PDB file of N, CA and C in Angstrom:
ATOM      1  N   MET A   1      -7.054   4.942  -7.805  1.00  0.00           N
ATOM      2  CA  MET A   1      -7.311   4.271  -9.054  1.00  0.00           C
ATOM      3  C   MET A   1      -7.282   2.767  -8.850  1.00  0.00           C
ATOM      4  N   LYS A   2      -8.285   2.118  -9.288  1.00  0.00           N
ATOM      5  CA  LYS A   2      -8.295   0.665  -9.207  1.00  0.00           C
ATOM      6  C   LYS A   2      -7.651   0.100 -10.466  1.00  0.00           C
ATOM      7  N   ASN A   3      -7.028  -1.043 -10.326  1.00  0.00           N
ATOM      8  CA  ASN A   3      -6.389  -1.753 -11.436  1.00  0.00           C
ATOM      9  C   ASN A   3      -5.236  -0.990 -12.078  1.00  0.00           C
ATOM     10  N   GLU A   4      -4.638  -0.074 -11.366  1.00  0.00           N
ATOM     11  CA  GLU A   4      -3.485   0.626 -11.915  1.00  0.00           C
ATOM     12  C   GLU A   4      -2.228  -0.201 -11.706  1.00  0.00           C
ATOM     13  N   THR A   5      -1.229   0.080 -12.489  1.00  0.00           N
ATOM     14  CA  THR A   5       0.037  -0.612 -12.343  1.00  0.00           C
ATOM     15  C   THR A   5       0.880   0.106 -11.283  1.00  0.00           C
ATOM     16  N   MET A   6       1.904  -0.568 -10.824  1.00  0.00           N
ATOM     17  CA  MET A   6       2.812   0.052  -9.869  1.00  0.00           C
ATOM     18  C   MET A   6       3.459   1.290 -10.496  1.00  0.00           C
ATOM     19  N   LYS A   7       3.829   1.183 -11.749  1.00  0.00           N
ATOM     20  CA  LYS A   7       4.430   2.318 -12.452  1.00  0.00           C
ATOM     21  C   LYS A   7       3.478   3.513 -12.460  1.00  0.00           C
ATOM     22  N   GLU A   8       2.227   3.283 -12.759  1.00  0.00           N
ATOM     23  CA  GLU A   8       1.238   4.371 -12.766  1.00  0.00           C
ATOM     24  C   GLU A   8       1.067   4.978 -11.377  1.00  0.00           C
ATOM     25  N   ALA A   9       1.030   4.131 -10.362  1.00  0.00           N
ATOM     26  CA  ALA A   9       0.890   4.638  -8.990  1.00  0.00           C
ATOM     27  C   ALA A   9       2.090   5.490  -8.607  1.00  0.00           C
ATOM     28  N   LEU A  10       3.279   5.045  -8.974  1.00  0.00           N
ATOM     29  CA  LEU A  10       4.483   5.810  -8.648  1.00  0.00           C
ATOM     30  C   LEU A  10       4.567   7.103  -9.459  1.00  0.00           C
ATOM     31  N   GLU A  11       4.139   7.069 -10.711  1.00  0.00           N
ATOM     32  CA  GLU A  11       4.110   8.294 -11.515  1.00  0.00           C
ATOM     33  C   GLU A  11       3.145   9.312 -10.907  1.00  0.00           C
ATOM     34  N   GLN A  12       2.020   8.832 -10.389  1.00  0.00           N
ATOM     35  CA  GLN A  12       1.068   9.732  -9.727  1.00  0.00           C
ATOM     36  C   GLN A  12       1.684  10.277  -8.442  1.00  0.00           C
ATOM     37  N   LEU A  13       2.380   9.438  -7.702  1.00  0.00           N
ATOM     38  CA  LEU A  13       3.076   9.891  -6.496  1.00  0.00           C
ATOM     39  C   LEU A  13       4.045  11.012  -6.841  1.00  0.00           C
ATOM     40  N   ILE A  14       4.833  10.831  -7.877  1.00  0.00           N
ATOM     41  CA  ILE A  14       5.807  11.839  -8.291  1.00  0.00           C
ATOM     42  C   ILE A  14       5.114  13.146  -8.645  1.00  0.00           C
ATOM     43  N   ARG A  15       4.032  13.076  -9.411  1.00  0.00           N
ATOM     44  CA  ARG A  15       3.273  14.298  -9.756  1.00  0.00           C
ATOM     45  C   ARG A  15       2.767  14.993  -8.499  1.00  0.00           C
ATOM     46  N   ASN A  16       2.219  14.221  -7.583  1.00  0.00           N
ATOM     47  CA  ASN A  16       1.669  14.821  -6.363  1.00  0.00           C
ATOM     48  C   ASN A  16       2.765  15.437  -5.495  1.00  0.00           C
ATOM     49  N   ILE A  17       3.917  14.819  -5.422  1.00  0.00           N
ATOM     50  CA  ILE A  17       5.015  15.401  -4.653  1.00  0.00           C
ATOM     51  C   ILE A  17       5.441  16.716  -5.290  1.00  0.00           C
ATOM     52  N   LYS A  18       5.591  16.731  -6.598  1.00  0.00           N
ATOM     53  CA  LYS A  18       5.988  17.962  -7.301  1.00  0.00           C
ATOM     54  C   LYS A  18       4.984  19.086  -7.069  1.00  0.00           C
ATOM     55  N   GLU A  19       3.716  18.732  -6.977  1.00  0.00           N
ATOM     56  CA  GLU A  19       2.651  19.723  -6.770  1.00  0.00           C
ATOM     57  C   GLU A  19       2.367  19.969  -5.280  1.00  0.00           C
ATOM     58  N   GLU A  20       3.157  19.322  -4.426  1.00  0.00           N
ATOM     59  CA  GLU A  20       3.014  19.418  -2.974  1.00  0.00           C
ATOM     60  C   GLU A  20       1.629  18.994  -2.494  1.00  0.00           C
ATOM     61  N   LYS A  21       1.083  17.995  -3.161  1.00  0.00           N
ATOM     62  CA  LYS A  21      -0.189  17.386  -2.773  1.00  0.00           C
ATOM     63  C   LYS A  21       0.138  16.115  -1.998  1.00  0.00           C
ATOM     64  N   PHE A  22       0.647  16.301  -0.799  1.00  0.00           N
ATOM     65  CA  PHE A  22       1.157  15.181  -0.028  1.00  0.00           C
ATOM     66  C   PHE A  22       0.053  14.265   0.482  1.00  0.00           C
ATOM     67  N   TYR A  23      -1.077  14.828   0.865  1.00  0.00           N
ATOM     68  CA  TYR A  23      -2.194  13.994   1.310  1.00  0.00           C
ATOM     69  C   TYR A  23      -2.649  13.091   0.163  1.00  0.00           C
ATOM     70  N   GLU A  24      -2.771  13.685  -1.038  1.00  0.00           N
ATOM     71  CA  GLU A  24      -3.187  12.912  -2.202  1.00  0.00           C
ATOM     72  C   GLU A  24      -2.161  11.830  -2.541  1.00  0.00           C
ATOM     73  N   ALA A  25      -0.877  12.169  -2.405  1.00  0.00           N
ATOM     74  CA  ALA A  25       0.177  11.187  -2.661  1.00  0.00           C
ATOM     75  C   ALA A  25       0.021   9.993  -1.725  1.00  0.00           C
ATOM     76  N   HIS A  26      -0.248  10.288  -0.478  1.00  0.00           N
ATOM     77  CA  HIS A  26      -0.482   9.233   0.507  1.00  0.00           C
ATOM     78  C   HIS A  26      -1.680   8.382   0.093  1.00  0.00           C
ATOM     79  N   GLU A  27      -2.757   9.022  -0.253  1.00  0.00           N
ATOM     80  CA  GLU A  27      -3.979   8.295  -0.604  1.00  0.00           C
ATOM     81  C   GLU A  27      -3.798   7.437  -1.854  1.00  0.00           C
ATOM     82  N   ASP A  28      -3.119   7.972  -2.849  1.00  0.00           N
ATOM     83  CA  ASP A  28      -2.908   7.199  -4.085  1.00  0.00           C
ATOM     84  C   ASP A  28      -2.164   5.908  -3.809  1.00  0.00           C
ATOM     85  N   LEU A  29      -1.140   5.983  -2.991  1.00  0.00           N
ATOM     86  CA  LEU A  29      -0.359   4.779  -2.698  1.00  0.00           C
ATOM     87  C   LEU A  29      -1.036   3.871  -1.680  1.00  0.00           C
ATOM     88  N   GLU A  30      -1.858   4.442  -0.823  1.00  0.00           N
ATOM     89  CA  GLU A  30      -2.527   3.650   0.211  1.00  0.00           C
ATOM     90  C   GLU A  30      -3.333   2.511  -0.416  1.00  0.00           C
ATOM     91  N   HIS A  31      -4.098   2.829  -1.442  1.00  0.00           N
ATOM     92  CA  HIS A  31      -4.894   1.790  -2.106  1.00  0.00           C
ATOM     93  C   HIS A  31      -3.972   0.723  -2.695  1.00  0.00           C
ATOM     94  N   PHE A  32      -2.928   1.160  -3.371  1.00  0.00           N
ATOM     95  CA  PHE A  32      -2.007   0.217  -3.997  1.00  0.00           C
ATOM     96  C   PHE A  32      -1.317  -0.642  -2.941  1.00  0.00           C
ATOM     97  N   TRP A  33      -0.918  -0.030  -1.833  1.00  0.00           N
ATOM     98  CA  TRP A  33      -0.262  -0.762  -0.749  1.00  0.00           C
ATOM     99  C   TRP A  33      -1.177  -1.853  -0.183  1.00  0.00           C
ATOM    100  N   LYS A  34      -2.457  -1.547  -0.012  1.00  0.00           N
ATOM    101  CA  LYS A  34      -3.393  -2.540   0.528  1.00  0.00           C
ATOM    102  C   LYS A  34      -3.460  -3.778  -0.365  1.00  0.00           C
ATOM    103  N   VAL A  35      -3.422  -3.574  -1.670  1.00  0.00           N
ATOM    104  CA  VAL A  35      -3.432  -4.701  -2.605  1.00  0.00           C
ATOM    105  C   VAL A  35      -2.142  -5.503  -2.470  1.00  0.00           C
ATOM    106  N   LEU A  36      -0.998  -4.800  -2.437  1.00  0.00           N
ATOM    107  CA  LEU A  36       0.287  -5.496  -2.320  1.00  0.00           C
ATOM    108  C   LEU A  36       0.396  -6.252  -1.003  1.00  0.00           C
ATOM    109  N   LYS A  37      -0.139  -5.666   0.046  1.00  0.00           N
ATOM    110  CA  LYS A  37      -0.086  -6.313   1.361  1.00  0.00           C
ATOM    111  C   LYS A  37      -0.856  -7.635   1.335  1.00  0.00           C
ATOM    112  N   LYS A  38      -2.037  -7.614   0.746  1.00  0.00           N
ATOM    113  CA  LYS A  38      -2.840  -8.842   0.662  1.00  0.00           C
ATOM    114  C   LYS A  38      -2.135  -9.917  -0.156  1.00  0.00           C
ATOM    115  N   LEU A  39      -1.401  -9.494  -1.177  1.00  0.00           N
ATOM    116  CA  LEU A  39      -0.686 -10.436  -2.039  1.00  0.00           C
ATOM    117  C   LEU A  39       0.665 -10.832  -1.455  1.00  0.00           C
ATOM    118  N   ASP A  40       1.032 -10.213  -0.341  1.00  0.00           N
ATOM    119  CA  ASP A  40       2.350 -10.390   0.268  1.00  0.00           C
ATOM    120  C   ASP A  40       3.456 -10.138  -0.763  1.00  0.00           C
ATOM    121  N   HIS A  41       3.253  -9.107  -1.562  1.00  0.00           N
ATOM    122  CA  HIS A  41       4.207  -8.714  -2.605  1.00  0.00           C
ATOM    123  C   HIS A  41       5.502  -8.234  -1.956  1.00  0.00           C
ATOM    124  N   PRO A  42       6.656  -8.568  -2.524  1.00  0.00           N
ATOM    125  CA  PRO A  42       7.930  -8.177  -1.909  1.00  0.00           C
ATOM    126  C   PRO A  42       8.141  -6.667  -1.792  1.00  0.00           C
ATOM    127  N   LEU A  43       7.405  -5.878  -2.551  1.00  0.00           N
ATOM    128  CA  LEU A  43       7.572  -4.419  -2.474  1.00  0.00           C
ATOM    129  C   LEU A  43       6.579  -3.730  -1.534  1.00  0.00           C
ATOM    130  N   LYS A  44       5.794  -4.516  -0.821  1.00  0.00           N
ATOM    131  CA  LYS A  44       4.768  -3.912   0.045  1.00  0.00           C
ATOM    132  C   LYS A  44       5.369  -2.970   1.082  1.00  0.00           C
ATOM    133  N   ASN A  45       6.500  -3.340   1.678  1.00  0.00           N
ATOM    134  CA  ASN A  45       7.096  -2.476   2.702  1.00  0.00           C
ATOM    135  C   ASN A  45       7.732  -1.228   2.107  1.00  0.00           C
ATOM    136  N   LEU A  46       8.270  -1.331   0.923  1.00  0.00           N
ATOM    137  CA  LEU A  46       8.829  -0.151   0.277  1.00  0.00           C
ATOM    138  C   LEU A  46       7.715   0.847  -0.046  1.00  0.00           C
ATOM    139  N   ILE A  47       6.610   0.350  -0.562  1.00  0.00           N
ATOM    140  CA  ILE A  47       5.461   1.231  -0.830  1.00  0.00           C
ATOM    141  C   ILE A  47       4.983   1.870   0.481  1.00  0.00           C
ATOM    142  N   LYS A  48       4.927   1.090   1.540  1.00  0.00           N
ATOM    143  CA  LYS A  48       4.551   1.621   2.854  1.00  0.00           C
ATOM    144  C   LYS A  48       5.499   2.757   3.255  1.00  0.00           C
ATOM    145  N   GLY A  49       6.774   2.575   2.973  1.00  0.00           N
ATOM    146  CA  GLY A  49       7.741   3.628   3.275  1.00  0.00           C
ATOM    147  C   GLY A  49       7.449   4.907   2.516  1.00  0.00           C
ATOM    148  N   TYR A  50       7.118   4.793   1.249  1.00  0.00           N
ATOM    149  CA  TYR A  50       6.811   5.992   0.465  1.00  0.00           C
ATOM    150  C   TYR A  50       5.536   6.674   0.951  1.00  0.00           C
ATOM    151  N   ILE A  51       4.595   5.894   1.422  1.00  0.00           N
ATOM    152  CA  ILE A  51       3.401   6.489   2.037  1.00  0.00           C
ATOM    153  C   ILE A  51       3.824   7.339   3.229  1.00  0.00           C
ATOM    154  N   ASN A  52       4.733   6.806   4.031  1.00  0.00           N
ATOM    155  CA  ASN A  52       5.234   7.557   5.181  1.00  0.00           C
ATOM    156  C   ASN A  52       6.007   8.800   4.755  1.00  0.00           C
ATOM    157  N   GLY A  53       6.771   8.700   3.678  1.00  0.00           N
ATOM    158  CA  GLY A  53       7.497   9.860   3.183  1.00  0.00           C
ATOM    159  C   GLY A  53       6.565  11.001   2.822  1.00  0.00           C
ATOM    160  N   ALA A  54       5.513  10.695   2.088  1.00  0.00           N
ATOM    161  CA  ALA A  54       4.531  11.725   1.721  1.00  0.00           C
ATOM    162  C   ALA A  54       3.805  12.249   2.961  1.00  0.00           C
ATOM    163  N   THR A  55       3.472  11.346   3.867  1.00  0.00           N
ATOM    164  CA  THR A  55       2.760  11.735   5.084  1.00  0.00           C
ATOM    165  C   THR A  55       3.581  12.716   5.921  1.00  0.00           C
ATOM    166  N   ALA A  56       4.893  12.521   5.965  1.00  0.00           N
ATOM    167  CA  ALA A  56       5.752  13.415   6.747  1.00  0.00           C
ATOM    168  C   ALA A  56       5.564  14.866   6.303  1.00  0.00           C
ATOM    169  N   PHE A  57       5.469  15.096   4.998  1.00  0.00           N
ATOM    170  CA  PHE A  57       5.342  16.476   4.524  1.00  0.00           C
ATOM    171  C   PHE A  57       3.930  17.009   4.672  1.00  0.00           C
ATOM    172  N   GLU A  58       2.950  16.134   4.682  1.00  0.00           N
ATOM    173  CA  GLU A  58       1.588  16.582   5.006  1.00  0.00           C
ATOM    174  C   GLU A  58       1.540  17.014   6.471  1.00  0.00           C
ATOM    175  N   LEU A  59       2.212  16.268   7.331  1.00  0.00           N
ATOM    176  CA  LEU A  59       2.260  16.638   8.748  1.00  0.00           C
ATOM    177  C   LEU A  59       2.956  17.985   8.945  1.00  0.00           C
ATOM    178  N   ILE A  60       4.001  18.241   8.184  1.00  0.00           N
ATOM    179  CA  ILE A  60       4.676  19.541   8.262  1.00  0.00           C
ATOM    180  C   ILE A  60       3.709  20.655   7.862  1.00  0.00           C
ATOM    181  N   LYS A  61       2.947  20.436   6.796  1.00  0.00           N
ATOM    182  CA  LYS A  61       1.954  21.431   6.366  1.00  0.00           C
ATOM    183  C   LYS A  61       0.966  21.732   7.492  1.00  0.00           C
ATOM    184  N   ARG A  62       0.700  20.737   8.308  1.00  0.00           N
ATOM    185  CA  ARG A  62      -0.265  20.894   9.405  1.00  0.00           C
ATOM    186  C   ARG A  62       0.388  21.336  10.707  1.00  0.00           C
ATOM    187  N   GLY A  63       1.689  21.650  10.656  1.00  0.00           N
ATOM    188  CA  GLY A  63       2.385  22.159  11.825  1.00  0.00           C
ATOM    189  C   GLY A  63       2.770  21.108  12.848  1.00  0.00           C
ATOM    190  N   LYS A  64       2.888  19.872  12.433  1.00  0.00           N
ATOM    191  CA  LYS A  64       3.196  18.772  13.353  1.00  0.00           C
ATOM    192  C   LYS A  64       4.603  18.245  13.075  1.00  0.00           C
ATOM    193  N   MET A  65       5.599  19.042  13.402  1.00  0.00           N
ATOM    194  CA  MET A  65       6.987  18.733  13.069  1.00  0.00           C
ATOM    195  C   MET A  65       7.493  17.473  13.779  1.00  0.00           C
ATOM    196  N   ASP A  66       7.182  17.302  15.059  1.00  0.00           N
ATOM    197  CA  ASP A  66       7.656  16.110  15.774  1.00  0.00           C
ATOM    198  C   ASP A  66       7.106  14.837  15.143  1.00  0.00           C
ATOM    199  N   ALA A  67       5.829  14.838  14.831  1.00  0.00           N
ATOM    200  CA  ALA A  67       5.217  13.670  14.182  1.00  0.00           C
ATOM    201  C   ALA A  67       5.838  13.444  12.805  1.00  0.00           C
ATOM    202  N   ALA A  68       6.104  14.522  12.091  1.00  0.00           N
ATOM    203  CA  ALA A  68       6.715  14.414  10.763  1.00  0.00           C
ATOM    204  C   ALA A  68       8.083  13.734  10.846  1.00  0.00           C
ATOM    205  N   LYS A  69       8.859  14.092  11.832  1.00  0.00           N
ATOM    206  CA  LYS A  69      10.190  13.491  11.989  1.00  0.00           C
ATOM    207  C   LYS A  69      10.089  12.001  12.294  1.00  0.00           C
ATOM    208  N   ARG A  70       9.122  11.614  13.103  1.00  0.00           N
ATOM    209  CA  ARG A  70       8.938  10.193  13.415  1.00  0.00           C
ATOM    210  C   ARG A  70       8.527   9.405  12.166  1.00  0.00           C
ATOM    211  N   VAL A  71       7.608   9.963  11.417  1.00  0.00           N
ATOM    212  CA  VAL A  71       7.128   9.285  10.207  1.00  0.00           C
ATOM    213  C   VAL A  71       8.240   9.230   9.160  1.00  0.00           C
ATOM    214  N   TRP A  72       9.032  10.295   9.062  1.00  0.00           N
ATOM    215  CA  TRP A  72      10.147  10.313   8.119  1.00  0.00           C
ATOM    216  C   TRP A  72      11.142   9.186   8.440  1.00  0.00           C
ATOM    217  N   ALA A  73      11.379   8.947   9.695  1.00  0.00           N
ATOM    218  CA  ALA A  73      12.299   7.876  10.096  1.00  0.00           C
ATOM    219  C   ALA A  73      11.822   6.527   9.566  1.00  0.00           C
ATOM    220  N   THR A  74      10.522   6.316   9.540  1.00  0.00           N
ATOM    221  CA  THR A  74       9.981   5.078   8.978  1.00  0.00           C
ATOM    222  C   THR A  74      10.253   5.006   7.487  1.00  0.00           C
ATOM    223  N   TYR A  75      10.087   6.125   6.796  1.00  0.00           N
ATOM    224  CA  TYR A  75      10.401   6.172   5.365  1.00  0.00           C
ATOM    225  C   TYR A  75      11.849   5.738   5.134  1.00  0.00           C
ATOM    226  N   GLU A  76      12.761   6.348   5.876  1.00  0.00           N
ATOM    227  CA  GLU A  76      14.181   6.054   5.692  1.00  0.00           C
ATOM    228  C   GLU A  76      14.519   4.594   6.003  1.00  0.00           C
ATOM    229  N   LYS A  77      13.815   4.016   6.942  1.00  0.00           N
ATOM    230  CA  LYS A  77      14.053   2.616   7.310  1.00  0.00           C
ATOM    231  C   LYS A  77      13.838   1.675   6.122  1.00  0.00           C
ATOM    232  N   TYR A  78      12.877   1.999   5.275  1.00  0.00           N
ATOM    233  CA  TYR A  78      12.543   1.120   4.154  1.00  0.00           C
ATOM    234  C   TYR A  78      13.347   1.389   2.883  1.00  0.00           C
ATOM    235  N   LEU A  79      14.122   2.449   2.846  1.00  0.00           N
ATOM    236  CA  LEU A  79      14.886   2.771   1.640  1.00  0.00           C
ATOM    237  C   LEU A  79      15.910   1.701   1.276  1.00  0.00           C
ATOM    238  N   VAL A  80      16.341   0.935   2.249  1.00  0.00           N
ATOM    239  CA  VAL A  80      17.319  -0.134   1.961  1.00  0.00           C
ATOM    240  C   VAL A  80      16.730  -1.188   1.023  1.00  0.00           C
ATOM    241  N   LEU A  81      15.433  -1.184   0.838  1.00  0.00           N
ATOM    242  CA  LEU A  81      14.775  -2.166  -0.028  1.00  0.00           C
ATOM    243  C   LEU A  81      14.873  -1.821  -1.514  1.00  0.00           C
ATOM    244  N   ILE A  82      15.364  -0.620  -1.826  1.00  0.00           N
ATOM    245  CA  ILE A  82      15.502  -0.237  -3.232  1.00  0.00           C
ATOM    246  C   ILE A  82      16.687  -0.982  -3.832  1.00  0.00           C
ATOM    247  N   ASP A  83      16.445  -1.560  -4.999  1.00  0.00           N
ATOM    248  CA  ASP A  83      17.472  -2.337  -5.690  1.00  0.00           C
ATOM    249  C   ASP A  83      17.388  -2.022  -7.186  1.00  0.00           C
ATOM    250  N   LYS A  84      18.522  -1.870  -7.821  1.00  0.00           N
ATOM    251  CA  LYS A  84      18.552  -1.516  -9.248  1.00  0.00           C
ATOM    252  C   LYS A  84      17.844  -2.526 -10.142  1.00  0.00           C
ATOM    253  N   GLU A  85      17.715  -3.748  -9.679  1.00  0.00           N
ATOM    254  CA  GLU A  85      17.083  -4.789 -10.479  1.00  0.00           C
ATOM    255  C   GLU A  85      15.571  -4.869 -10.277  1.00  0.00           C
ATOM    256  N   MET A  86      15.041  -4.065  -9.391  1.00  0.00           N
ATOM    257  CA  MET A  86      13.627  -4.173  -9.056  1.00  0.00           C
ATOM    258  C   MET A  86      12.722  -3.499 -10.085  1.00  0.00           C
ATOM    259  N   GLU A  87      11.489  -3.918 -10.059  1.00  0.00           N
ATOM    260  CA  GLU A  87      10.452  -3.319 -10.885  1.00  0.00           C
ATOM    261  C   GLU A  87      10.319  -1.833 -10.529  1.00  0.00           C
ATOM    262  N   CYS A  88      10.244  -0.979 -11.520  1.00  0.00           N
ATOM    263  CA  CYS A  88      10.018   0.462 -11.352  1.00  0.00           C
ATOM    264  C   CYS A  88      11.142   1.179 -10.589  1.00  0.00           C
ATOM    265  N   TYR A  89      12.340   0.684 -10.727  1.00  0.00           N
ATOM    266  CA  TYR A  89      13.480   1.293 -10.024  1.00  0.00           C
ATOM    267  C   TYR A  89      13.583   2.798 -10.284  1.00  0.00           C
ATOM    268  N   GLU A  90      13.478   3.204 -11.539  1.00  0.00           N
ATOM    269  CA  GLU A  90      13.634   4.631 -11.878  1.00  0.00           C
ATOM    270  C   GLU A  90      12.574   5.496 -11.203  1.00  0.00           C
ATOM    271  N   GLU A  91      11.348   5.009 -11.128  1.00  0.00           N
ATOM    272  CA  GLU A  91      10.273   5.773 -10.495  1.00  0.00           C
ATOM    273  C   GLU A  91      10.496   5.868  -8.983  1.00  0.00           C
ATOM    274  N   PHE A  92      10.919   4.771  -8.378  1.00  0.00           N
ATOM    275  CA  PHE A  92      11.222   4.813  -6.945  1.00  0.00           C
ATOM    276  C   PHE A  92      12.337   5.816  -6.666  1.00  0.00           C
ATOM    277  N   LYS A  93      13.380   5.800  -7.491  1.00  0.00           N
ATOM    278  CA  LYS A  93      14.518   6.701  -7.284  1.00  0.00           C
ATOM    279  C   LYS A  93      14.109   8.165  -7.485  1.00  0.00           C
ATOM    280  N   GLU A  94      13.286   8.433  -8.489  1.00  0.00           N
ATOM    281  CA  GLU A  94      12.836   9.810  -8.722  1.00  0.00           C
ATOM    282  C   GLU A  94      12.001  10.315  -7.554  1.00  0.00           C
ATOM    283  N   ALA A  95      11.103   9.497  -7.066  1.00  0.00           N
ATOM    284  CA  ALA A  95      10.289   9.893  -5.908  1.00  0.00           C
ATOM    285  C   ALA A  95      11.187  10.136  -4.698  1.00  0.00           C
ATOM    286  N   ASP A  96      12.176   9.285  -4.495  1.00  0.00           N
ATOM    287  CA  ASP A  96      13.106   9.469  -3.377  1.00  0.00           C
ATOM    288  C   ASP A  96      13.901  10.761  -3.547  1.00  0.00           C
ATOM    289  N   ARG A  97      14.351  11.036  -4.761  1.00  0.00           N
ATOM    290  CA  ARG A  97      15.101  12.270  -5.004  1.00  0.00           C
ATOM    291  C   ARG A  97      14.273  13.496  -4.618  1.00  0.00           C
ATOM    292  N   LEU A  98      13.004  13.500  -5.007  1.00  0.00           N
ATOM    293  CA  LEU A  98      12.124  14.619  -4.671  1.00  0.00           C
ATOM    294  C   LEU A  98      11.886  14.725  -3.164  1.00  0.00           C
ATOM    295  N   LEU A  99      11.653  13.591  -2.526  1.00  0.00           N
ATOM    296  CA  LEU A  99      11.423  13.603  -1.079  1.00  0.00           C
ATOM    297  C   LEU A  99      12.679  14.023  -0.321  1.00  0.00           C
ATOM    298  N   GLN A 100      13.830  13.573  -0.757  1.00  0.00           N
ATOM    299  CA  GLN A 100      15.079  13.955  -0.084  1.00  0.00           C
ATOM    300  C   GLN A 100      15.336  15.454  -0.233  1.00  0.00           C
ATOM    301  N   LYS A 101      15.002  16.014  -1.380  1.00  0.00           N
ATOM    302  CA  LYS A 101      15.141  17.463  -1.589  1.00  0.00           C
ATOM    303  C   LYS A 101      14.238  18.213  -0.606  1.00  0.00           C
ATOM    304  N   LEU A 102      13.009  17.753  -0.472  1.00  0.00           N
ATOM    305  CA  LEU A 102      12.088  18.381   0.485  1.00  0.00           C
ATOM    306  C   LEU A 102      12.615  18.251   1.911  1.00  0.00           C
ATOM    307  N   LYS A 103      13.194  17.118   2.221  1.00  0.00           N
ATOM    308  CA  LYS A 103      13.745  16.925   3.572  1.00  0.00           C
ATOM    309  C   LYS A 103      14.819  17.966   3.847  1.00  0.00           C
ATOM    310  N   ARG A 104      15.727  18.157   2.905  1.00  0.00           N
ATOM    311  CA  ARG A 104      16.795  19.145   3.099  1.00  0.00           C
ATOM    312  C   ARG A 104      16.228  20.549   3.294  1.00  0.00           C
ATOM    313  N   GLU A 105      15.139  20.847   2.635  1.00  0.00           N
ATOM    314  CA  GLU A 105      14.543  22.182   2.698  1.00  0.00           C
ATOM    315  C   GLU A 105      13.656  22.404   3.930  1.00  0.00           C
ATOM    316  N   ARG A 106      12.994  21.362   4.411  1.00  0.00           N
ATOM    317  CA  ARG A 106      11.919  21.581   5.388  1.00  0.00           C
ATOM    318  C   ARG A 106      11.993  20.779   6.684  1.00  0.00           C
ATOM    319  N   LEU A 107      12.739  19.695   6.705  1.00  0.00           N
ATOM    320  CA  LEU A 107      12.654  18.813   7.871  1.00  0.00           C
ATOM    321  C   LEU A 107      13.855  18.979   8.771  1.00  0.00           C
TER     322      LEU A 107
END
């Protein structure tokens, strides 16, 4: 989606994770991340981390467990960037909660 807000992108990510549409989750955030990267937005690396989180579970679906573990490590590296005062904190936390649940079940 072009011209979407960060909140909308994260809400779409959450829907896709719940529906186990991990490739789509990656794609939805990829566009948003490219915009943030160009703007050097402070949340660009956190968004990149969530892209990696979704990608890890797509890799599991494709039978690539070793690659999934490597990509998951990148996701976890960026989690330290979450702050209660940040924009869209609740959406970031909900997406993390869902991804962490999947990690416990599958990774």
